[in-house]
Amino acid sequence: MRILHTSDWHLGRSFHRVSLLDAQAAFLDHLVETVARHQVDVVVVAGDVYDRAVPPLTAVRLFDDALHRLAGARVPTVMISGNHDSARRLGVGAGLIARAGIHLRTDPADCATPVLLPDAHGDVAFYGLPYLEPALVRDTLGAAKAGHEAVLGAAMERVRADLAGRPDGTRSVVLAHAFVAGGEPSDSERDITVGGVAAVPAGVFDGVDYVALGHLHGCQTVTERVRYSGSPLAYSFSEHTHRKTMWLIDLGPGGEITAERLDCPVPRPLARLRGRLDTLLEGPALERHRESWVEATLTDPVRPDEPMARLAGRFPHILTLVLEPERDPEDPRASYAQRLGGRGDQQIAEDFVAHVRGGSGPSEAERGVLRAAFDDVRVDDTVNEVSR
């Protein structure tokens, strides 16, 4: 069976205030063309179809058009909701849509109810594990505790139990939206650290033939059977080195996996430039970035006059300007952002406690209180988004 693995479309998202609607439409055209060109049997979409819980109408129209075209091509599609999606909204009408071969899996309670799709060698069971917010799904899944590894482990126990009751030789594919250990994040994924450590070990997915992951935006191979497709478009400058692709997976009669990366269209290349203004304006090696979307970081000790306007004269598609003057890190003029660079919310809060106490940091119990407070805030934010 030939499977096209994609994820993280984020329909409705812009790039530094530049609309990506046309680029997203071009990607979906490419997706449908790829299905026909490579004779794909099944399309799997591993979450974050939309960029937010209530997407704009233009994004909904794109999604609707893509589904109609895939259904018209008689190519089954299996998709799950991600942490950016509203699972309830995305899942509306799932029963009716399934009659057209579009299978939406957005309810955690249905994670062990597979979509069964046959080929010449028997059935392939596709299990959809939508994004599992630990505090919200722990009881539903009977997890021992509210953590990402615990709830995913509980979901996979249900999957393996269902698979064990199926005929010998039934192959299996799991779709999941999660941060799996070994994956490399970028700046454009939303934090999912609620409930403690976000990363889960790849071993939690043992016992199935292929795991189609979503959430991280870089195409990655965690193991030969556990892969991220990544997002089809770049959504932050941290992705400027990414090669945006989809995975073409051939699942053999005995569960063998053959994988090939298929490139996605690039609307405009990204460039991260750094240096003094004169260097960026005059350096001949930078001419190749004239048509790129540009993030420029200026290191001039003193802020130059009208730097954005001057840079735009050479790089018409410059989108963001960062000022990082070359200074000694101990210089009191070093920016607050520089001093906090690389630190998470928890560490910043602990450092603040140490500062106001004259150097005495929080106790272990106090660290636990801070950690619980941050988790509560993130859970409240998730619940509010789901309810909107």
Protein backbone atom coordinates (compact mmCIF):
# COMPACT_ATOMS: atom_id res chain seq x y z
CA MET A 1 0.00 0.00 0.00
CA ARG A 2 1.32 3.43 -0.96
CA ILE A 3 0.78 6.12 1.66
CA LEU A 4 1.38 9.87 1.38
CA HIS A 5 2.23 11.26 4.83
CA THR A 6 1.78 14.98 5.45
CA SER A 7 0.91 17.20 8.41
CA ASP A 8 0.89 20.70 9.88
CA TRP A 9 -0.81 22.53 7.02
CA HIS A 10 -1.75 25.40 9.40
CA LEU A 11 -4.30 26.73 6.94
CA GLY A 12 -5.00 30.39 7.66
CA ARG A 13 -1.54 31.18 9.00
CA SER A 14 0.48 34.12 7.75
CA PHE A 15 4.23 34.67 7.72
CA HIS A 16 5.18 37.86 9.54
CA ARG A 17 1.90 39.47 8.41
CA VAL A 18 2.32 38.25 4.82
CA SER A 19 -0.65 36.15 3.69
CA LEU A 20 0.22 32.56 2.79
CA LEU A 21 -3.20 31.78 1.35
CA ASP A 22 -1.92 31.52 -2.24
CA ALA A 23 1.07 29.42 -1.14
CA GLN A 24 -1.20 27.08 0.83
CA ALA A 25 -3.51 26.75 -2.17
CA ALA A 26 -0.49 25.93 -4.34
CA PHE A 27 0.60 23.27 -1.86
CA LEU A 28 -2.84 21.64 -1.89
CA ASP A 29 -2.79 21.67 -5.71
CA HIS A 30 0.61 19.97 -5.50
CA LEU A 31 -0.75 17.43 -3.00
CA VAL A 32 -3.59 16.39 -5.30
CA GLU A 33 -1.24 16.24 -8.29
CA THR A 34 1.23 14.11 -6.29
CA VAL A 35 -1.52 11.67 -5.36
CA ALA A 36 -2.28 11.13 -9.05
CA ARG A 37 1.33 11.15 -10.28
CA HIS A 38 2.58 8.62 -7.72
CA GLN A 39 -0.59 6.51 -7.64
CA VAL A 40 -1.05 7.04 -3.91
CA ASP A 41 -3.51 4.68 -2.21
CA VAL A 42 -4.05 6.63 1.04
CA VAL A 43 -3.32 10.17 2.26
CA VAL A 44 -2.65 10.67 5.99
CA VAL A 45 -2.65 14.11 7.62
CA ALA A 46 -1.15 14.07 11.14
CA GLY A 47 -2.81 17.11 12.69
CA ASP A 48 -2.77 20.92 12.70
CA VAL A 49 -4.92 21.16 9.63
CA TYR A 50 -5.78 24.71 10.68
CA ASP A 51 -3.65 27.27 12.47
CA ARG A 52 -6.22 28.13 15.12
CA ALA A 53 -9.37 26.79 16.69
CA VAL A 54 -11.62 29.20 14.76
CA PRO A 55 -10.02 29.46 11.31
CA PRO A 56 -10.87 32.21 8.81
CA LEU A 57 -13.42 31.41 6.13
CA THR A 58 -10.74 31.51 3.42
CA ALA A 59 -8.88 28.68 5.18
CA VAL A 60 -12.08 26.63 5.54
CA ARG A 61 -12.72 27.02 1.81
CA LEU A 62 -9.24 25.73 1.00
CA PHE A 63 -9.78 22.72 3.25
CA ASP A 64 -13.21 22.02 1.78
CA ASP A 65 -11.86 22.20 -1.77
CA ALA A 66 -8.99 19.82 -0.96
CA LEU A 67 -11.36 17.27 0.56
CA HIS A 68 -13.68 17.42 -2.44
CA ARG A 69 -10.77 16.86 -4.82
CA LEU A 70 -9.37 13.91 -2.84
CA ALA A 71 -12.83 12.36 -2.54
CA GLY A 72 -13.37 12.93 -6.28
CA ALA A 73 -10.14 11.08 -6.99
CA ARG A 74 -11.44 8.21 -4.83
CA VAL A 75 -8.32 8.32 -2.64
CA PRO A 76 -9.10 7.61 1.04
CA THR A 77 -7.79 10.22 3.46
CA VAL A 78 -7.22 9.75 7.20
CA MET A 79 -6.60 12.85 9.32
CA ILE A 80 -6.40 13.77 12.98
CA SER A 81 -6.71 17.02 14.89
CA GLY A 82 -3.60 18.72 16.28
CA ASN A 83 -3.00 21.10 19.16
CA HIS A 84 -3.82 24.10 16.93
CA ASP A 85 -7.14 22.64 15.77
CA SER A 86 -10.45 22.65 17.54
CA ALA A 87 -11.06 18.91 17.68
CA ARG A 88 -14.83 19.38 18.01
CA ARG A 89 -15.09 21.76 15.08
CA LEU A 90 -12.84 19.71 12.81
CA GLY A 91 -14.78 16.56 13.69
CA VAL A 92 -18.24 17.93 12.85
CA GLY A 93 -19.91 15.68 10.29
CA ALA A 94 -17.17 13.04 10.49
CA GLY A 95 -19.66 10.20 10.08
CA LEU A 96 -21.13 11.65 6.91
CA ILE A 97 -17.77 12.69 5.48
CA ALA A 98 -16.44 9.16 6.00
CA ARG A 99 -18.91 7.95 3.35
CA ALA A 100 -16.85 9.93 0.84
CA GLY A 101 -13.63 8.28 2.02
CA ILE A 102 -12.48 11.16 4.26
CA HIS A 103 -11.89 9.77 7.75
CA LEU A 104 -11.56 12.33 10.56
CA ARG A 105 -10.26 11.14 13.91
CA THR A 106 -10.66 13.88 16.52
CA ASP A 107 -12.13 12.09 19.56
CA PRO A 108 -9.57 10.48 21.93
CA ALA A 109 -12.15 7.86 22.89
CA ASP A 110 -12.03 6.51 19.31
CA CYS A 111 -8.25 6.04 19.16
CA ALA A 112 -8.58 2.24 19.06
CA THR A 113 -11.26 2.27 16.34
CA PRO A 114 -9.26 1.94 13.14
CA VAL A 115 -10.04 2.85 9.57
CA LEU A 116 -9.63 -0.46 7.74
CA LEU A 117 -8.38 -0.12 4.17
CA PRO A 118 -7.60 -3.21 2.09
CA ASP A 119 -4.98 -3.90 -0.55
CA ALA A 120 -3.96 -7.09 -2.37
CA HIS A 121 -2.32 -8.43 0.80
CA GLY A 122 -5.13 -7.84 3.30
CA ASP A 123 -6.27 -5.04 5.59
CA VAL A 124 -4.23 -2.13 6.86
CA ALA A 125 -5.58 -0.66 10.12
CA PHE A 126 -5.13 3.11 10.42
CA TYR A 127 -5.40 4.33 14.02
CA GLY A 128 -5.84 8.06 14.60
CA LEU A 129 -4.50 9.52 17.86
CA PRO A 130 -5.49 13.21 17.87
CA TYR A 131 -3.50 15.61 20.01
CA LEU A 132 -3.94 14.34 23.57
CA GLU A 133 -3.95 17.10 26.17
CA PRO A 134 -2.99 15.17 29.33
CA ALA A 135 -5.19 17.03 31.80
CA LEU A 136 -8.24 16.69 29.55
CA VAL A 137 -7.97 13.06 28.38
CA ARG A 138 -6.39 11.26 31.33
CA ASP A 139 -9.71 9.90 32.64
CA THR A 140 -11.03 9.08 29.16
CA LEU A 141 -8.00 6.91 28.42
CA GLY A 142 -7.54 5.57 31.94
CA ALA A 143 -3.97 6.85 32.15
CA ALA A 144 -2.12 6.36 35.42
CA LYS A 145 -1.15 10.04 35.55
CA ALA A 146 -1.56 13.27 33.61
CA GLY A 147 1.54 13.41 31.44
CA HIS A 148 2.21 13.20 27.72
CA GLU A 149 3.95 9.84 27.93
CA ALA A 150 1.23 8.43 30.20
CA VAL A 151 -1.72 9.38 27.98
CA LEU A 152 0.00 8.36 24.75
CA GLY A 153 1.02 5.10 26.39
CA ALA A 154 -2.59 4.46 27.45
CA ALA A 155 -3.83 5.23 23.94
CA MET A 156 -1.26 2.86 22.41
CA GLU A 157 -2.24 0.10 24.83
CA ARG A 158 -5.75 0.36 23.41
CA VAL A 159 -4.39 0.30 19.87
CA ARG A 160 -2.29 -2.80 20.51
CA ALA A 161 -5.21 -4.55 22.21
CA ASP A 162 -7.45 -3.92 19.21
CA LEU A 163 -4.74 -4.99 16.78
CA ALA A 164 -4.18 -8.23 18.71
CA GLY A 165 -7.80 -9.18 18.10
CA ARG A 166 -7.56 -8.78 14.34
CA PRO A 167 -6.56 -11.47 11.80
CA ASP A 168 -2.90 -12.40 11.57
CA GLY A 169 -1.09 -10.33 9.00
CA THR A 170 -3.14 -7.19 9.58
CA ARG A 171 -0.70 -4.31 9.10
CA SER A 172 -0.99 -1.11 11.10
CA VAL A 173 -0.38 2.62 10.77
CA VAL A 174 -0.74 5.10 13.64
CA LEU A 175 -1.24 8.83 13.16
CA ALA A 176 -0.18 10.91 16.19
CA HIS A 177 0.38 14.56 17.00
CA ALA A 178 3.10 14.77 19.64
CA PHE A 179 6.65 15.77 20.50
CA VAL A 180 8.67 12.56 20.27
CA ALA A 181 12.15 12.43 21.80
CA GLY A 182 14.81 12.78 19.15
CA GLY A 183 12.82 15.26 17.11
CA GLU A 184 14.23 18.74 16.43
CA PRO A 185 11.79 21.61 17.13
CA SER A 186 11.63 25.04 15.49
CA ASP A 187 10.28 28.41 16.65
CA SER A 188 6.87 28.02 15.01
CA GLU A 189 5.41 25.13 17.03
CA ARG A 190 3.17 25.96 19.96
CA ASP A 191 4.45 24.86 23.37
CA ILE A 192 2.81 21.63 24.61
CA THR A 193 4.68 21.23 27.90
CA VAL A 194 1.51 21.17 30.01
CA GLY A 195 1.63 18.27 32.43
CA GLY A 196 5.41 18.12 32.70
CA VAL A 197 7.96 16.89 30.16
CA ALA A 198 6.52 17.23 26.66
CA ALA A 199 8.77 14.77 24.78
CA VAL A 200 7.75 11.12 24.77
CA PRO A 201 10.04 8.20 23.84
CA ALA A 202 9.62 6.65 20.40
CA GLY A 203 9.24 3.28 22.12
CA VAL A 204 5.73 4.23 23.20
CA PHE A 205 4.69 3.39 19.61
CA ASP A 206 6.19 -0.12 19.56
CA GLY A 207 4.07 -2.82 17.97
CA VAL A 208 2.86 -1.07 14.80
CA ASP A 209 4.31 -0.96 11.31
CA TYR A 210 4.44 2.80 10.71
CA VAL A 211 3.87 5.95 12.78
CA ALA A 212 2.96 9.15 10.88
CA LEU A 213 3.78 12.02 13.20
CA GLY A 214 2.75 15.65 13.21
CA HIS A 215 3.64 18.68 15.36
CA LEU A 216 7.32 19.35 14.60
CA HIS A 217 7.77 21.39 11.43
CA GLY A 218 10.99 19.80 10.17
CA CYS A 219 10.83 16.58 8.13
CA GLN A 220 12.57 14.00 10.33
CA THR A 221 13.23 10.31 10.77
CA VAL A 222 13.03 9.40 14.47
CA THR A 223 13.34 5.69 13.61
CA GLU A 224 12.79 3.91 10.31
CA ARG A 225 9.16 3.35 11.33
CA VAL A 226 8.53 6.63 13.17
CA ARG A 227 8.71 9.81 11.08
CA TYR A 228 7.67 13.45 10.97
CA SER A 229 6.61 14.81 7.60
CA GLY A 230 7.04 18.39 8.83
CA SER A 231 5.02 21.37 7.63
CA PRO A 232 4.71 21.90 3.85
CA LEU A 233 5.62 25.59 4.22
CA ALA A 234 8.01 27.49 6.47
CA TYR A 235 6.22 29.33 9.28
CA SER A 236 9.23 30.91 11.01
CA PHE A 237 12.73 32.03 10.05
CA SER A 238 14.08 29.22 12.24
CA GLU A 239 13.02 26.95 9.36
CA HIS A 240 15.26 28.66 6.81
CA THR A 241 17.40 25.51 6.43
CA HIS A 242 14.44 23.12 6.15
CA ARG A 243 13.73 21.17 3.01
CA LYS A 244 9.93 21.07 2.96
CA THR A 245 8.68 17.65 1.88
CA MET A 246 6.11 14.90 2.31
CA TRP A 247 6.88 11.22 2.91
CA LEU A 248 5.89 8.69 0.26
CA ILE A 249 5.67 5.43 2.19
CA ASP A 250 5.37 2.00 0.60
CA LEU A 251 4.04 -0.51 3.13
CA GLY A 252 4.93 -4.04 2.05
CA PRO A 253 2.90 -7.22 2.56
CA GLY A 254 4.89 -8.11 5.68
CA GLY A 255 5.00 -4.59 7.09
CA GLU A 256 8.23 -3.61 5.31
CA ILE A 257 8.75 0.15 4.96
CA THR A 258 10.25 2.01 2.01
CA ALA A 259 10.30 5.81 2.34
CA GLU A 260 10.95 8.61 -0.16
CA ARG A 261 10.87 12.38 0.39
CA LEU A 262 8.84 14.40 -2.10
CA ASP A 263 9.53 18.13 -2.27
CA CYS A 264 6.83 20.74 -1.72
CA PRO A 265 6.60 24.02 -3.67
CA VAL A 266 8.59 26.92 -2.15
CA PRO A 267 6.76 30.25 -2.49
CA ARG A 268 9.86 32.28 -1.63
CA PRO A 269 13.19 31.25 -0.02
CA LEU A 270 14.09 32.45 3.48
CA ALA A 271 17.31 34.20 4.47
CA ARG A 272 18.67 35.06 7.90
CA LEU A 273 21.29 37.79 7.53
CA ARG A 274 23.49 39.10 10.30
CA GLY A 275 26.10 41.84 10.45
CA ARG A 276 26.62 45.58 10.39
CA LEU A 277 24.35 47.60 8.15
CA ASP A 278 27.08 48.57 5.67
CA THR A 279 28.03 44.91 5.24
CA LEU A 280 24.45 43.88 4.53
CA LEU A 281 23.96 46.73 2.08
CA GLU A 282 27.20 46.27 0.17
CA GLY A 283 28.29 42.61 0.52
CA PRO A 284 28.23 41.08 -3.00
CA ALA A 285 27.64 37.57 -1.66
CA LEU A 286 24.24 38.66 -0.35
CA GLU A 287 22.88 39.58 -3.77
CA ARG A 288 21.40 36.08 -4.10
CA HIS A 289 18.95 36.95 -1.30
CA ARG A 290 17.40 39.91 -3.13
CA GLU A 291 14.15 37.99 -3.79
CA SER A 292 14.09 36.13 -0.46
CA TRP A 293 12.03 36.84 2.61
CA VAL A 294 14.69 38.32 4.87
CA GLU A 295 15.25 38.52 8.61
CA ALA A 296 18.13 40.94 9.24
CA THR A 297 20.01 41.16 12.53
CA LEU A 298 22.08 44.32 12.83
CA THR A 299 25.15 44.25 15.06
CA ASP A 300 26.16 47.94 14.77
CA PRO A 301 27.19 49.25 18.22
CA VAL A 302 25.01 52.33 17.59
CA ARG A 303 21.63 52.07 15.90
CA PRO A 304 21.94 53.35 12.29
CA ASP A 305 19.47 55.85 10.83
CA GLU A 306 16.42 54.35 9.10
CA PRO A 307 17.87 50.82 8.89
CA MET A 308 14.65 49.13 7.71
CA ALA A 309 14.08 51.54 4.85
CA ARG A 310 17.70 51.27 3.72
CA LEU A 311 17.68 47.48 3.84
CA ALA A 312 14.40 47.38 1.91
CA GLY A 313 16.18 49.15 -0.93
CA ARG A 314 18.34 46.09 -1.44
CA PHE A 315 16.01 43.39 -0.07
CA PRO A 316 12.46 44.35 -1.13
CA HIS A 317 10.96 41.40 0.77
CA ILE A 318 12.58 42.05 4.14
CA LEU A 319 10.08 41.22 6.87
CA THR A 320 11.78 41.64 10.20
CA LEU A 321 14.65 43.58 11.73
CA VAL A 322 16.48 42.62 14.93
CA LEU A 323 18.93 44.92 16.70
CA GLU A 324 21.71 43.14 18.59
CA PRO A 325 24.55 45.64 19.14
CA GLU A 326 27.99 44.15 19.58
CA ARG A 327 28.58 44.61 23.31
CA ASP A 328 30.24 42.82 26.18
CA PRO A 329 27.65 40.50 27.81
CA GLU A 330 28.43 42.19 31.13
CA ASP A 331 27.67 45.61 29.69
CA PRO A 332 24.66 46.97 31.64
CA ARG A 333 23.26 48.22 28.33
CA ALA A 334 22.84 44.63 27.09
CA SER A 335 19.18 44.14 26.32
CA TYR A 336 16.74 42.39 28.61
CA ALA A 337 15.90 40.00 25.75
CA GLN A 338 19.58 39.07 25.39
CA ARG A 339 19.88 38.33 29.10
CA LEU A 340 16.84 36.06 28.95
CA GLY A 341 17.80 34.34 25.71
CA GLY A 342 17.42 30.55 25.84
CA ARG A 343 15.59 30.48 29.17
CA GLY A 344 12.13 29.04 29.66
CA ASP A 345 9.30 30.45 31.76
CA GLN A 346 10.19 28.27 34.74
CA GLN A 347 13.85 29.33 34.76
CA ILE A 348 12.97 33.01 34.40
CA ALA A 349 10.59 32.77 37.36
CA GLU A 350 13.19 30.95 39.49
CA ASP A 351 15.81 33.56 38.60
CA PHE A 352 13.41 36.32 39.62
CA VAL A 353 12.87 34.68 43.02
CA ALA A 354 16.65 34.49 43.47
CA HIS A 355 16.98 38.14 42.48
CA VAL A 356 14.44 39.47 44.98
CA ARG A 357 15.90 37.27 47.73
CA GLY A 358 19.41 38.50 47.22
CA GLY A 359 20.65 35.32 45.54
CA SER A 360 18.69 32.65 47.43
CA GLY A 361 16.71 30.65 44.86
CA PRO A 362 13.43 28.78 45.42
CA SER A 363 13.27 25.54 47.36
CA GLU A 364 12.19 22.30 45.67
CA ALA A 365 8.67 22.76 47.05
CA GLU A 366 8.54 26.31 45.70
CA ARG A 367 9.76 25.09 42.32
CA GLY A 368 6.85 22.67 42.34
CA VAL A 369 4.41 25.50 43.03
CA LEU A 370 5.83 27.54 40.15
CA ARG A 371 5.68 24.54 37.82
CA ALA A 372 2.06 23.84 38.76
CA ALA A 373 1.14 27.49 38.21
CA PHE A 374 2.58 27.50 34.69
CA ASP A 375 0.83 24.21 33.90
CA ASP A 376 -2.50 25.58 35.15
CA VAL A 377 -2.17 28.68 32.97
CA ARG A 378 -1.43 26.59 29.88
CA VAL A 379 -4.28 24.17 30.60
CA ASP A 380 -6.70 27.09 31.05
CA ASP A 381 -5.54 28.52 27.73
CA THR A 382 -6.09 25.15 26.01
CA VAL A 383 -9.55 24.69 27.57
CA ASN A 384 -10.60 28.19 26.53
CA GLU A 385 -9.46 27.59 22.98
CA VAL A 386 -11.28 24.27 22.78
CA SER A 387 -14.50 25.86 24.06
CA ARG A 388 -14.42 28.77 21.59
